[in-house]
Amino acid sequence: MRLRIQRATWPRNALILTDTPRPDCADCDGVGGTEHHYGDHDTGEYAGTDWEPCTCWNEDRRWFLLPIPRRPRWLYRHRQDPDPWAPNGYSDEPPF
């Protein structure tokens, strides 16, 4: 098992510990699975992609480590430009 820390955003922001694919896997080349593109039988056009996970890892194996707190609403600051004619305080004019 090869573990790494990731940031999850659903159902709320948190740090999770998750398994990663084996980098030297001959079946998936370390990607974790194989994509199978398929087309429509009548028109022959692209219709979607199926994902087949590899046996070298389990994508459902993850552990919750720590919730990431939300920033309080009062802490958000509104951006104020120092010069209304120059966005972000920068100008295209030469300095002379």
C-alpha atoms as a PDB file:
ATOM      1  CA  MET A   1       0.000   0.000   0.000  1.00  0.00           C
ATOM      2  CA  ARG A   2       1.353   3.440  -1.013  1.00  0.00           C
ATOM      3  CA  LEU A   3      -0.290   6.222   0.982  1.00  0.00           C
ATOM      4  CA  ARG A   4      -0.453   9.953   0.298  1.00  0.00           C
ATOM      5  CA  ILE A   5      -2.265  12.934   1.760  1.00  0.00           C
ATOM      6  CA  GLN A   6      -4.915  14.629  -0.372  1.00  0.00           C
ATOM      7  CA  ARG A   7      -7.352  17.492   0.057  1.00  0.00           C
ATOM      8  CA  ALA A   8     -10.990  16.492  -0.307  1.00  0.00           C
ATOM      9  CA  THR A   9     -13.708  19.059  -0.990  1.00  0.00           C
ATOM     10  CA  TRP A  10     -16.830  16.968  -0.660  1.00  0.00           C
ATOM     11  CA  PRO A  11     -18.869  16.784   1.579  1.00  0.00           C
ATOM     12  CA  ARG A  12     -16.640  19.358   3.286  1.00  0.00           C
ATOM     13  CA  ASN A  13     -13.013  20.445   3.089  1.00  0.00           C
ATOM     14  CA  ALA A  14     -10.738  17.909   4.762  1.00  0.00           C
ATOM     15  CA  LEU A  15      -7.386  16.174   4.563  1.00  0.00           C
ATOM     16  CA  ILE A  16      -7.602  12.477   3.746  1.00  0.00           C
ATOM     17  CA  LEU A  17      -5.093   9.668   3.544  1.00  0.00           C
ATOM     18  CA  THR A  18      -5.532   7.649   0.361  1.00  0.00           C
ATOM     19  CA  ASP A  19      -3.952   4.735  -1.475  1.00  0.00           C
ATOM     20  CA  THR A  20      -2.122   5.344  -4.784  1.00  0.00           C
ATOM     21  CA  PRO A  21      -1.568   3.035  -7.761  1.00  0.00           C
ATOM     22  CA  ARG A  22       1.647   1.030  -7.923  1.00  0.00           C
ATOM     23  CA  PRO A  23       4.017   3.068 -10.164  1.00  0.00           C
ATOM     24  CA  ASP A  24       5.647  -0.014 -11.739  1.00  0.00           C
ATOM     25  CA  CYS A  25       2.379  -1.818 -12.568  1.00  0.00           C
ATOM     26  CA  ALA A  26       2.576  -3.497 -15.980  1.00  0.00           C
ATOM     27  CA  ASP A  27      -1.202  -3.407 -16.520  1.00  0.00           C
ATOM     28  CA  CYS A  28      -1.884   0.317 -16.010  1.00  0.00           C
ATOM     29  CA  ASP A  29       1.635   1.897 -16.119  1.00  0.00           C
ATOM     30  CA  GLY A  30       1.005   3.547 -12.748  1.00  0.00           C
ATOM     31  CA  VAL A  31      -2.168   5.375 -13.820  1.00  0.00           C
ATOM     32  CA  GLY A  32      -4.517   3.225 -11.750  1.00  0.00           C
ATOM     33  CA  GLY A  33      -6.743   1.954 -14.508  1.00  0.00           C
ATOM     34  CA  THR A  34      -7.500   1.785 -18.193  1.00  0.00           C
ATOM     35  CA  GLU A  35      -9.817   3.992 -20.244  1.00  0.00           C
ATOM     36  CA  HIS A  36     -11.982   2.373 -22.900  1.00  0.00           C
ATOM     37  CA  HIS A  37     -13.409   4.803 -25.433  1.00  0.00           C
ATOM     38  CA  TYR A  38     -16.521   3.707 -27.262  1.00  0.00           C
ATOM     39  CA  GLY A  39     -18.639   5.021 -30.087  1.00  0.00           C
ATOM     40  CA  ASP A  40     -22.221   4.940 -31.195  1.00  0.00           C
ATOM     41  CA  HIS A  41     -23.058   1.836 -33.261  1.00  0.00           C
ATOM     42  CA  ASP A  42     -25.277   3.739 -35.706  1.00  0.00           C
ATOM     43  CA  THR A  43     -23.176   6.843 -36.422  1.00  0.00           C
ATOM     44  CA  GLY A  44     -19.713   5.694 -35.323  1.00  0.00           C
ATOM     45  CA  GLU A  45     -19.144   8.924 -33.404  1.00  0.00           C
ATOM     46  CA  TYR A  46     -17.586   9.178 -29.944  1.00  0.00           C
ATOM     47  CA  ALA A  47     -20.150   8.374 -27.255  1.00  0.00           C
ATOM     48  CA  GLY A  48     -18.137   8.232 -24.023  1.00  0.00           C
ATOM     49  CA  THR A  49     -15.421   6.573 -21.995  1.00  0.00           C
ATOM     50  CA  ASP A  50     -15.519   3.675 -19.554  1.00  0.00           C
ATOM     51  CA  TRP A  51     -12.971   3.466 -16.717  1.00  0.00           C
ATOM     52  CA  GLU A  52     -11.741   0.071 -15.609  1.00  0.00           C
ATOM     53  CA  PRO A  53      -9.747   0.320 -12.349  1.00  0.00           C
ATOM     54  CA  CYS A  54      -6.584  -1.750 -12.027  1.00  0.00           C
ATOM     55  CA  THR A  55      -6.091  -4.404  -9.342  1.00  0.00           C
ATOM     56  CA  CYS A  56      -2.883  -2.722  -8.091  1.00  0.00           C
ATOM     57  CA  TRP A  57      -4.871  -0.309  -5.918  1.00  0.00           C
ATOM     58  CA  ASN A  58      -8.248   0.280  -4.326  1.00  0.00           C
ATOM     59  CA  GLU A  59      -9.658   3.710  -5.131  1.00  0.00           C
ATOM     60  CA  ASP A  60     -12.208   3.428  -2.312  1.00  0.00           C
ATOM     61  CA  ARG A  61      -9.534   2.991   0.369  1.00  0.00           C
ATOM     62  CA  ARG A  62      -9.279   6.366   2.132  1.00  0.00           C
ATOM     63  CA  TRP A  63      -9.227   7.620   5.678  1.00  0.00           C
ATOM     64  CA  PHE A  64     -10.377  10.951   7.039  1.00  0.00           C
ATOM     65  CA  LEU A  65      -7.529  12.750   8.838  1.00  0.00           C
ATOM     66  CA  LEU A  66      -8.443  16.338   9.638  1.00  0.00           C
ATOM     67  CA  PRO A  67     -11.235  18.763   8.753  1.00  0.00           C
ATOM     68  CA  ILE A  68     -10.100  22.029   7.176  1.00  0.00           C
ATOM     69  CA  PRO A  69     -11.983  24.891   8.831  1.00  0.00           C
ATOM     70  CA  ARG A  70     -13.798  27.442   6.731  1.00  0.00           C
ATOM     71  CA  ARG A  71     -12.650  31.023   6.820  1.00  0.00           C
ATOM     72  CA  PRO A  72     -15.044  33.200   8.844  1.00  0.00           C
ATOM     73  CA  ARG A  73     -17.206  35.505   6.775  1.00  0.00           C
ATOM     74  CA  TRP A  74     -15.928  38.609   8.566  1.00  0.00           C
ATOM     75  CA  LEU A  75     -12.350  37.747   7.545  1.00  0.00           C
ATOM     76  CA  TYR A  76     -12.988  38.156   3.831  1.00  0.00           C
ATOM     77  CA  ARG A  77     -11.592  41.477   2.696  1.00  0.00           C
ATOM     78  CA  HIS A  78     -12.784  43.531  -0.229  1.00  0.00           C
ATOM     79  CA  ARG A  79     -10.091  44.466  -2.697  1.00  0.00           C
ATOM     80  CA  GLN A  80      -9.567  48.220  -3.126  1.00  0.00           C
ATOM     81  CA  ASP A  81      -7.515  49.599  -6.012  1.00  0.00           C
ATOM     82  CA  PRO A  82      -5.045  52.334  -4.978  1.00  0.00           C
ATOM     83  CA  ASP A  83      -5.499  54.074  -8.337  1.00  0.00           C
ATOM     84  CA  PRO A  84      -8.903  53.848 -10.055  1.00  0.00           C
ATOM     85  CA  TRP A  85      -7.280  54.326 -13.478  1.00  0.00           C
ATOM     86  CA  ALA A  86      -4.723  51.540 -13.016  1.00  0.00           C
ATOM     87  CA  PRO A  87      -6.153  48.098 -12.212  1.00  0.00           C
ATOM     88  CA  ASN A  88      -4.174  46.213  -9.557  1.00  0.00           C
ATOM     89  CA  GLY A  89      -1.964  49.289  -9.013  1.00  0.00           C
ATOM     90  CA  TYR A  90      -0.016  48.786 -12.261  1.00  0.00           C
ATOM     91  CA  SER A  91       0.146  50.987 -15.326  1.00  0.00           C
ATOM     92  CA  ASP A  92       1.186  50.470 -18.953  1.00  0.00           C
ATOM     93  CA  GLU A  93       2.783  53.923 -19.108  1.00  0.00           C
ATOM     94  CA  PRO A  94       6.596  54.246 -19.136  1.00  0.00           C
ATOM     95  CA  PRO A  95       8.109  55.807 -15.993  1.00  0.00           C
ATOM     96  CA  PHE A  96       9.433  59.012 -17.660  1.00  0.00           C
END
